[in-house]
């Protein structure tokens, strides 16, 4: 999917940042494992931790979303750092 995205964008080295699913829901564990494996295998790809987020509900609330966004930005900056 990442290779196709990069092909469609015509940007071979487009950085990709993915986010984990909420840890509190054990049904997400296998997906988080797969996301981590993908981030390790695919060049210019990073995984953002959702640890500590989403404890109040099935989805992230506004505060969690802001924190997650900050984590995404930090990972993106690491990927694009010269």
PDB file of N, CA and C in Angstrom:
ATOM      1  N   UNK A   1       0.827  -1.176   0.000  1.00  0.00           N
ATOM      2  CA  UNK A   1       0.000   0.000   0.000  1.00  0.00           C
ATOM      3  C   UNK A   1       0.885   1.258   0.000  1.00  0.00           C
ATOM      4  N   UNK A   2       1.950   1.239   0.790  1.00  0.00           N
ATOM      5  CA  UNK A   2       2.844   2.392   0.840  1.00  0.00           C
ATOM      6  C   UNK A   2       3.545   2.575  -0.506  1.00  0.00           C
ATOM      7  N   UNK A   3       3.984   1.474  -1.093  1.00  0.00           N
ATOM      8  CA  UNK A   3       4.635   1.553  -2.413  1.00  0.00           C
ATOM      9  C   UNK A   3       3.671   2.129  -3.446  1.00  0.00           C
ATOM     10  N   UNK A   4       2.417   1.720  -3.402  1.00  0.00           N
ATOM     11  CA  UNK A   4       1.425   2.234  -4.346  1.00  0.00           C
ATOM     12  C   UNK A   4       1.165   3.715  -4.115  1.00  0.00           C
ATOM     13  N   UNK A   5       1.090   4.125  -2.852  1.00  0.00           N
ATOM     14  CA  UNK A   5       0.897   5.538  -2.533  1.00  0.00           C
ATOM     15  C   UNK A   5       2.034   6.373  -3.104  1.00  0.00           C
ATOM     16  N   UNK A   6       3.245   5.915  -2.880  1.00  0.00           N
ATOM     17  CA  UNK A   6       4.401   6.642  -3.387  1.00  0.00           C
ATOM     18  C   UNK A   6       4.402   6.690  -4.909  1.00  0.00           C
ATOM     19  N   UNK A   7       3.998   5.600  -5.524  1.00  0.00           N
ATOM     20  CA  UNK A   7       3.914   5.560  -6.986  1.00  0.00           C
ATOM     21  C   UNK A   7       2.846   6.545  -7.483  1.00  0.00           C
ATOM     22  N   UNK A   8       1.675   6.505  -6.848  1.00  0.00           N
ATOM     23  CA  UNK A   8       0.586   7.398  -7.249  1.00  0.00           C
ATOM     24  C   UNK A   8       0.973   8.868  -7.084  1.00  0.00           C
ATOM     25  N   UNK A   9       1.731   9.177  -6.045  1.00  0.00           N
ATOM     26  CA  UNK A   9       2.169  10.547  -5.805  1.00  0.00           C
ATOM     27  C   UNK A   9       3.369  10.930  -6.665  1.00  0.00           C
ATOM     28  N   UNK A  10       3.974   9.925  -7.273  1.00  0.00           N
ATOM     29  CA  UNK A  10       5.192  10.100  -8.063  1.00  0.00           C
ATOM     30  C   UNK A  10       6.300  10.702  -7.196  1.00  0.00           C
ATOM     31  N   UNK A  11       6.355  10.211  -5.959  1.00  0.00           N
ATOM     32  CA  UNK A  11       7.387  10.627  -5.007  1.00  0.00           C
ATOM     33  C   UNK A  11       7.934   9.359  -4.369  1.00  0.00           C
ATOM     34  N   UNK A  12       9.021   8.870  -4.950  1.00  0.00           N
ATOM     35  CA  UNK A  12       9.599   7.594  -4.522  1.00  0.00           C
ATOM     36  C   UNK A  12       9.991   7.579  -3.049  1.00  0.00           C
ATOM     37  N   UNK A  13      10.413   8.729  -2.543  1.00  0.00           N
ATOM     38  CA  UNK A  13      10.876   8.792  -1.165  1.00  0.00           C
ATOM     39  C   UNK A  13       9.951   9.619  -0.268  1.00  0.00           C
ATOM     40  N   UNK A  14       8.661   9.524  -0.501  1.00  0.00           N
ATOM     41  CA  UNK A  14       7.706  10.236   0.349  1.00  0.00           C
ATOM     42  C   UNK A  14       7.723   9.620   1.749  1.00  0.00           C
ATOM     43  N   UNK A  15       7.920  10.442   2.776  1.00  0.00           N
ATOM     44  CA  UNK A  15       7.892   9.905   4.131  1.00  0.00           C
ATOM     45  C   UNK A  15       6.466   9.496   4.509  1.00  0.00           C
ATOM     46  N   UNK A  16       6.361   8.406   5.250  1.00  0.00           N
ATOM     47  CA  UNK A  16       5.055   7.908   5.680  1.00  0.00           C
ATOM     48  C   UNK A  16       5.086   7.737   7.194  1.00  0.00           C
ATOM     49  N   UNK A  17       4.113   8.335   7.863  1.00  0.00           N
ATOM     50  CA  UNK A  17       3.993   8.209   9.307  1.00  0.00           C
ATOM     51  C   UNK A  17       2.657   7.540   9.602  1.00  0.00           C
ATOM     52  N   UNK A  18       2.735   6.445  10.364  1.00  0.00           N
ATOM     53  CA  UNK A  18       1.531   5.687  10.733  1.00  0.00           C
ATOM     54  C   UNK A  18       1.330   5.802  12.241  1.00  0.00           C
ATOM     55  N   UNK A  19       0.115   5.648  12.687  1.00  0.00           N
ATOM     56  CA  UNK A  19      -0.171   5.715  14.118  1.00  0.00           C
ATOM     57  C   UNK A  19      -0.760   4.425  14.641  1.00  0.00           C
ATOM     58  N   UNK A  20      -0.342   4.074  15.838  1.00  0.00           N
ATOM     59  CA  UNK A  20      -0.892   2.884  16.490  1.00  0.00           C
ATOM     60  C   UNK A  20      -2.366   3.080  16.807  1.00  0.00           C
ATOM     61  N   UNK A  21      -3.024   1.976  17.051  1.00  0.00           N
ATOM     62  CA  UNK A  21      -4.385   1.990  17.558  1.00  0.00           C
ATOM     63  C   UNK A  21      -4.317   2.001  19.088  1.00  0.00           C
ATOM     64  N   UNK A  22      -5.399   2.336  19.725  1.00  0.00           N
ATOM     65  CA  UNK A  22      -5.457   2.467  21.181  1.00  0.00           C
ATOM     66  C   UNK A  22      -5.027   1.167  21.861  1.00  0.00           C
ATOM     67  N   UNK A  23      -4.073   1.271  22.783  1.00  0.00           N
ATOM     68  CA  UNK A  23      -3.543   0.107  23.495  1.00  0.00           C
ATOM     69  C   UNK A  23      -4.544  -0.509  24.464  1.00  0.00           C
ATOM     70  N   UNK A  24      -5.435   0.284  24.984  1.00  0.00           N
ATOM     71  CA  UNK A  24      -6.385  -0.208  25.992  1.00  0.00           C
ATOM     72  C   UNK A  24      -7.333  -1.277  25.445  1.00  0.00           C
ATOM     73  N   UNK A  25      -7.474  -1.339  24.142  1.00  0.00           N
ATOM     74  CA  UNK A  25      -8.366  -2.314  23.511  1.00  0.00           C
ATOM     75  C   UNK A  25      -7.506  -3.441  22.959  1.00  0.00           C
ATOM     76  N   UNK A  26      -7.482  -4.558  23.653  1.00  0.00           N
ATOM     77  CA  UNK A  26      -6.588  -5.672  23.298  1.00  0.00           C
ATOM     78  C   UNK A  26      -6.847  -6.211  21.898  1.00  0.00           C
ATOM     79  N   UNK A  27      -8.005  -5.941  21.336  1.00  0.00           N
ATOM     80  CA  UNK A  27      -8.275  -6.381  19.968  1.00  0.00           C
ATOM     81  C   UNK A  27      -7.380  -5.651  18.967  1.00  0.00           C
ATOM     82  N   UNK A  28      -6.748  -4.564  19.390  1.00  0.00           N
ATOM     83  CA  UNK A  28      -5.863  -3.801  18.508  1.00  0.00           C
ATOM     84  C   UNK A  28      -4.426  -4.317  18.520  1.00  0.00           C
ATOM     85  N   UNK A  29      -4.108  -5.229  19.431  1.00  0.00           N
ATOM     86  CA  UNK A  29      -2.719  -5.669  19.601  1.00  0.00           C
ATOM     87  C   UNK A  29      -2.096  -6.204  18.313  1.00  0.00           C
ATOM     88  N   UNK A  30      -2.803  -7.063  17.607  1.00  0.00           N
ATOM     89  CA  UNK A  30      -2.218  -7.667  16.398  1.00  0.00           C
ATOM     90  C   UNK A  30      -1.988  -6.613  15.308  1.00  0.00           C
ATOM     91  N   UNK A  31      -2.849  -5.647  15.216  1.00  0.00           N
ATOM     92  CA  UNK A  31      -2.665  -4.582  14.227  1.00  0.00           C
ATOM     93  C   UNK A  31      -1.465  -3.717  14.596  1.00  0.00           C
ATOM     94  N   UNK A  32      -1.304  -3.416  15.878  1.00  0.00           N
ATOM     95  CA  UNK A  32      -0.152  -2.626  16.309  1.00  0.00           C
ATOM     96  C   UNK A  32       1.162  -3.365  16.045  1.00  0.00           C
ATOM     97  N   UNK A  33       1.161  -4.679  16.211  1.00  0.00           N
ATOM     98  CA  UNK A  33       2.345  -5.483  15.899  1.00  0.00           C
ATOM     99  C   UNK A  33       2.651  -5.402  14.406  1.00  0.00           C
ATOM    100  N   UNK A  34       1.623  -5.508  13.584  1.00  0.00           N
ATOM    101  CA  UNK A  34       1.810  -5.436  12.129  1.00  0.00           C
ATOM    102  C   UNK A  34       2.300  -4.055  11.704  1.00  0.00           C
ATOM    103  N   UNK A  35       1.771  -3.010  12.307  1.00  0.00           N
ATOM    104  CA  UNK A  35       2.214  -1.654  11.991  1.00  0.00           C
ATOM    105  C   UNK A  35       3.687  -1.461  12.363  1.00  0.00           C
ATOM    106  N   UNK A  36       4.086  -1.977  13.517  1.00  0.00           N
ATOM    107  CA  UNK A  36       5.482  -1.857  13.952  1.00  0.00           C
ATOM    108  C   UNK A  36       6.411  -2.594  12.990  1.00  0.00           C
ATOM    109  N   UNK A  37       6.005  -3.769  12.561  1.00  0.00           N
ATOM    110  CA  UNK A  37       6.819  -4.540  11.614  1.00  0.00           C
ATOM    111  C   UNK A  37       6.954  -3.799  10.290  1.00  0.00           C
ATOM    112  N   UNK A  38       5.887  -3.201   9.840  1.00  0.00           N
ATOM    113  CA  UNK A  38       5.915  -2.436   8.588  1.00  0.00           C
ATOM    114  C   UNK A  38       6.854  -1.247   8.707  1.00  0.00           C
ATOM    115  N   UNK A  39       6.760  -0.519   9.808  1.00  0.00           N
ATOM    116  CA  UNK A  39       7.609   0.659  10.001  1.00  0.00           C
ATOM    117  C   UNK A  39       9.093   0.281  10.027  1.00  0.00           C
ATOM    118  N   UNK A  40       9.408  -0.889  10.545  1.00  0.00           N
ATOM    119  CA  UNK A  40      10.807  -1.340  10.586  1.00  0.00           C
ATOM    120  C   UNK A  40      11.307  -1.770   9.212  1.00  0.00           C
ATOM    121  N   UNK A  41      10.390  -2.299   8.400  1.00  0.00           N
ATOM    122  CA  UNK A  41      10.768  -2.873   7.113  1.00  0.00           C
ATOM    123  C   UNK A  41      10.799  -1.851   5.978  1.00  0.00           C
ATOM    124  N   UNK A  42       9.932  -0.870   6.012  1.00  0.00           N
ATOM    125  CA  UNK A  42       9.774   0.073   4.905  1.00  0.00           C
ATOM    126  C   UNK A  42      10.645   1.313   5.137  1.00  0.00           C
ATOM    127  N   UNK A  43      11.480   1.663   4.167  1.00  0.00           N
ATOM    128  CA  UNK A  43      12.302   2.867   4.313  1.00  0.00           C
ATOM    129  C   UNK A  43      11.452   4.135   4.416  1.00  0.00           C
ATOM    130  N   UNK A  44      11.964   5.106   5.154  1.00  0.00           N
ATOM    131  CA  UNK A  44      11.282   6.393   5.348  1.00  0.00           C
ATOM    132  C   UNK A  44       9.865   6.224   5.891  1.00  0.00           C
ATOM    133  N   UNK A  45       9.731   5.321   6.839  1.00  0.00           N
ATOM    134  CA  UNK A  45       8.435   5.046   7.446  1.00  0.00           C
ATOM    135  C   UNK A  45       8.610   5.030   8.959  1.00  0.00           C
ATOM    136  N   UNK A  46       7.676   5.635   9.673  1.00  0.00           N
ATOM    137  CA  UNK A  46       7.745   5.693  11.129  1.00  0.00           C
ATOM    138  C   UNK A  46       6.390   5.349  11.729  1.00  0.00           C
ATOM    139  N   UNK A  47       6.440   4.885  12.956  1.00  0.00           N
ATOM    140  CA  UNK A  47       5.229   4.542  13.695  1.00  0.00           C
ATOM    141  C   UNK A  47       5.132   5.434  14.924  1.00  0.00           C
ATOM    142  N   UNK A  48       3.962   6.018  15.130  1.00  0.00           N
ATOM    143  CA  UNK A  48       3.702   6.880  16.279  1.00  0.00           C
ATOM    144  C   UNK A  48       3.013   6.051  17.358  1.00  0.00           C
ATOM    145  N   UNK A  49       3.524   6.141  18.555  1.00  0.00           N
ATOM    146  CA  UNK A  49       2.953   5.412  19.680  1.00  0.00           C
ATOM    147  C   UNK A  49       1.638   6.039  20.137  1.00  0.00           C
ATOM    148  N   UNK A  50       0.692   5.190  20.487  1.00  0.00           N
ATOM    149  CA  UNK A  50      -0.569   5.648  21.066  1.00  0.00           C
ATOM    150  C   UNK A  50      -0.597   5.355  22.571  1.00  0.00           C
ATOM    151  N   UNK A  51       0.547   4.965  23.102  1.00  0.00           N
ATOM    152  CA  UNK A  51       0.630   4.619  24.519  1.00  0.00           C
ATOM    153  C   UNK A  51       0.152   5.784  25.389  1.00  0.00           C
ATOM    154  N   UNK A  52      -0.734   5.471  26.311  1.00  0.00           N
ATOM    155  CA  UNK A  52      -1.262   6.479  27.217  1.00  0.00           C
ATOM    156  C   UNK A  52      -2.427   7.283  26.672  1.00  0.00           C
ATOM    157  N   UNK A  53      -2.807   7.041  25.434  1.00  0.00           N
ATOM    158  CA  UNK A  53      -3.918   7.780  24.819  1.00  0.00           C
ATOM    159  C   UNK A  53      -5.142   6.886  24.697  1.00  0.00           C
ATOM    160  N   UNK A  54      -6.313   7.484  24.648  1.00  0.00           N
ATOM    161  CA  UNK A  54      -7.540   6.742  24.391  1.00  0.00           C
ATOM    162  C   UNK A  54      -8.082   5.953  25.558  1.00  0.00           C
ATOM    163  N   UNK A  55      -7.741   6.325  26.762  1.00  0.00           N
ATOM    164  CA  UNK A  55      -8.199   5.573  27.933  1.00  0.00           C
ATOM    165  C   UNK A  55      -9.647   5.852  28.300  1.00  0.00           C
ATOM    166  N   UNK A  56     -10.200   6.948  27.778  1.00  0.00           N
ATOM    167  CA  UNK A  56     -11.532   7.365  28.192  1.00  0.00           C
ATOM    168  C   UNK A  56     -12.661   6.791  27.336  1.00  0.00           C
ATOM    169  N   UNK A  57     -12.319   6.294  26.155  1.00  0.00           N
ATOM    170  CA  UNK A  57     -13.378   5.848  25.250  1.00  0.00           C
ATOM    171  C   UNK A  57     -12.781   4.937  24.181  1.00  0.00           C
ATOM    172  N   UNK A  58     -13.621   4.525  23.278  1.00  0.00           N
ATOM    173  CA  UNK A  58     -13.187   3.686  22.170  1.00  0.00           C
ATOM    174  C   UNK A  58     -12.311   4.462  21.197  1.00  0.00           C
ATOM    175  N   UNK A  59     -12.489   5.775  21.146  1.00  0.00           N
ATOM    176  CA  UNK A  59     -11.736   6.632  20.227  1.00  0.00           C
ATOM    177  C   UNK A  59     -10.962   7.683  21.016  1.00  0.00           C
ATOM    178  N   UNK A  60     -10.010   8.330  20.356  1.00  0.00           N
ATOM    179  CA  UNK A  60      -9.261   9.407  20.981  1.00  0.00           C
ATOM    180  C   UNK A  60     -10.170  10.610  21.202  1.00  0.00           C
ATOM    181  N   UNK A  61     -10.017  11.269  22.348  1.00  0.00           N
ATOM    182  CA  UNK A  61     -10.755  12.512  22.567  1.00  0.00           C
ATOM    183  C   UNK A  61      -9.918  13.668  22.000  1.00  0.00           C
ATOM    184  N   UNK A  62     -10.395  14.894  22.168  1.00  0.00           N
ATOM    185  CA  UNK A  62      -9.717  16.052  21.574  1.00  0.00           C
ATOM    186  C   UNK A  62      -8.289  16.213  22.114  1.00  0.00           C
ATOM    187  N   UNK A  63      -8.117  16.055  23.422  1.00  0.00           N
ATOM    188  CA  UNK A  63      -6.782  16.203  24.015  1.00  0.00           C
ATOM    189  C   UNK A  63      -5.843  15.115  23.508  1.00  0.00           C
ATOM    190  N   UNK A  64      -6.345  13.883  23.427  1.00  0.00           N
ATOM    191  CA  UNK A  64      -5.536  12.785  22.898  1.00  0.00           C
ATOM    192  C   UNK A  64      -5.144  13.044  21.446  1.00  0.00           C
ATOM    193  N   UNK A  65      -6.067  13.564  20.675  1.00  0.00           N
ATOM    194  CA  UNK A  65      -5.804  13.835  19.263  1.00  0.00           C
ATOM    195  C   UNK A  65      -4.717  14.894  19.108  1.00  0.00           C
ATOM    196  N   UNK A  66      -4.748  15.917  19.936  1.00  0.00           N
ATOM    197  CA  UNK A  66      -3.690  16.936  19.886  1.00  0.00           C
ATOM    198  C   UNK A  66      -2.337  16.317  20.247  1.00  0.00           C
ATOM    199  N   UNK A  67      -2.303  15.498  21.287  1.00  0.00           N
ATOM    200  CA  UNK A  67      -1.061  14.842  21.689  1.00  0.00           C
ATOM    201  C   UNK A  67      -0.562  13.916  20.584  1.00  0.00           C
ATOM    202  N   UNK A  68      -1.474  13.171  19.985  1.00  0.00           N
ATOM    203  CA  UNK A  68      -1.114  12.267  18.896  1.00  0.00           C
ATOM    204  C   UNK A  68      -0.543  13.067  17.724  1.00  0.00           C
ATOM    205  N   UNK A  69      -1.142  14.192  17.424  1.00  0.00           N
ATOM    206  CA  UNK A  69      -0.654  15.056  16.352  1.00  0.00           C
ATOM    207  C   UNK A  69       0.758  15.550  16.622  1.00  0.00           C
ATOM    208  N   UNK A  70       1.047  15.879  17.868  1.00  0.00           N
ATOM    209  CA  UNK A  70       2.404  16.301  18.227  1.00  0.00           C
ATOM    210  C   UNK A  70       3.391  15.158  18.031  1.00  0.00           C
ATOM    211  N   UNK A  71       2.967  13.968  18.358  1.00  0.00           N
ATOM    212  CA  UNK A  71       3.826  12.799  18.158  1.00  0.00           C
ATOM    213  C   UNK A  71       4.060  12.541  16.667  1.00  0.00           C
ATOM    214  N   UNK A  72       3.004  12.699  15.881  1.00  0.00           N
ATOM    215  CA  UNK A  72       3.146  12.551  14.418  1.00  0.00           C
ATOM    216  C   UNK A  72       4.156  13.572  13.888  1.00  0.00           C
ATOM    217  N   UNK A  73       4.026  14.813  14.319  1.00  0.00           N
ATOM    218  CA  UNK A  73       4.920  15.867  13.846  1.00  0.00           C
ATOM    219  C   UNK A  73       6.372  15.553  14.207  1.00  0.00           C
ATOM    220  N   UNK A  74       6.597  15.070  15.408  1.00  0.00           N
ATOM    221  CA  UNK A  74       7.957  14.740  15.843  1.00  0.00           C
ATOM    222  C   UNK A  74       8.549  13.635  14.970  1.00  0.00           C
ATOM    223  N   UNK A  75       7.758  12.610  14.678  1.00  0.00           N
ATOM    224  CA  UNK A  75       8.250  11.512  13.836  1.00  0.00           C
ATOM    225  C   UNK A  75       8.494  11.982  12.405  1.00  0.00           C
ATOM    226  N   UNK A  76       7.608  12.827  11.902  1.00  0.00           N
ATOM    227  CA  UNK A  76       7.785  13.366  10.548  1.00  0.00           C
ATOM    228  C   UNK A  76       9.082  14.163  10.463  1.00  0.00           C
ATOM    229  N   UNK A  77       9.334  14.974  11.463  1.00  0.00           N
ATOM    230  CA  UNK A  77      10.553  15.794  11.465  1.00  0.00           C
ATOM    231  C   UNK A  77      11.797  14.912  11.524  1.00  0.00           C
ATOM    232  N   UNK A  78      11.736  13.817  12.250  1.00  0.00           N
ATOM    233  CA  UNK A  78      12.867  12.881  12.275  1.00  0.00           C
ATOM    234  C   UNK A  78      13.106  12.280  10.901  1.00  0.00           C
ATOM    235  N   UNK A  79      12.023  11.928  10.212  1.00  0.00           N
ATOM    236  CA  UNK A  79      12.145  11.312   8.878  1.00  0.00           C
ATOM    237  C   UNK A  79      12.685  12.287   7.836  1.00  0.00           C
ATOM    238  N   UNK A  80      12.365  13.556   7.987  1.00  0.00           N
ATOM    239  CA  UNK A  80      12.726  14.528   6.959  1.00  0.00           C
ATOM    240  C   UNK A  80      13.959  15.357   7.322  1.00  0.00           C
ATOM    241  N   UNK A  81      14.537  15.061   8.471  1.00  0.00           N
ATOM    242  CA  UNK A  81      15.737  15.776   8.905  1.00  0.00           C
ATOM    243  C   UNK A  81      16.886  15.486   7.949  1.00  0.00           C
ATOM    244  N   UNK A  82      17.547  16.550   7.465  1.00  0.00           N
ATOM    245  CA  UNK A  82      18.641  16.326   6.500  1.00  0.00           C
ATOM    246  C   UNK A  82      19.837  15.590   7.101  1.00  0.00           C
TER     247      UNK A  82
END
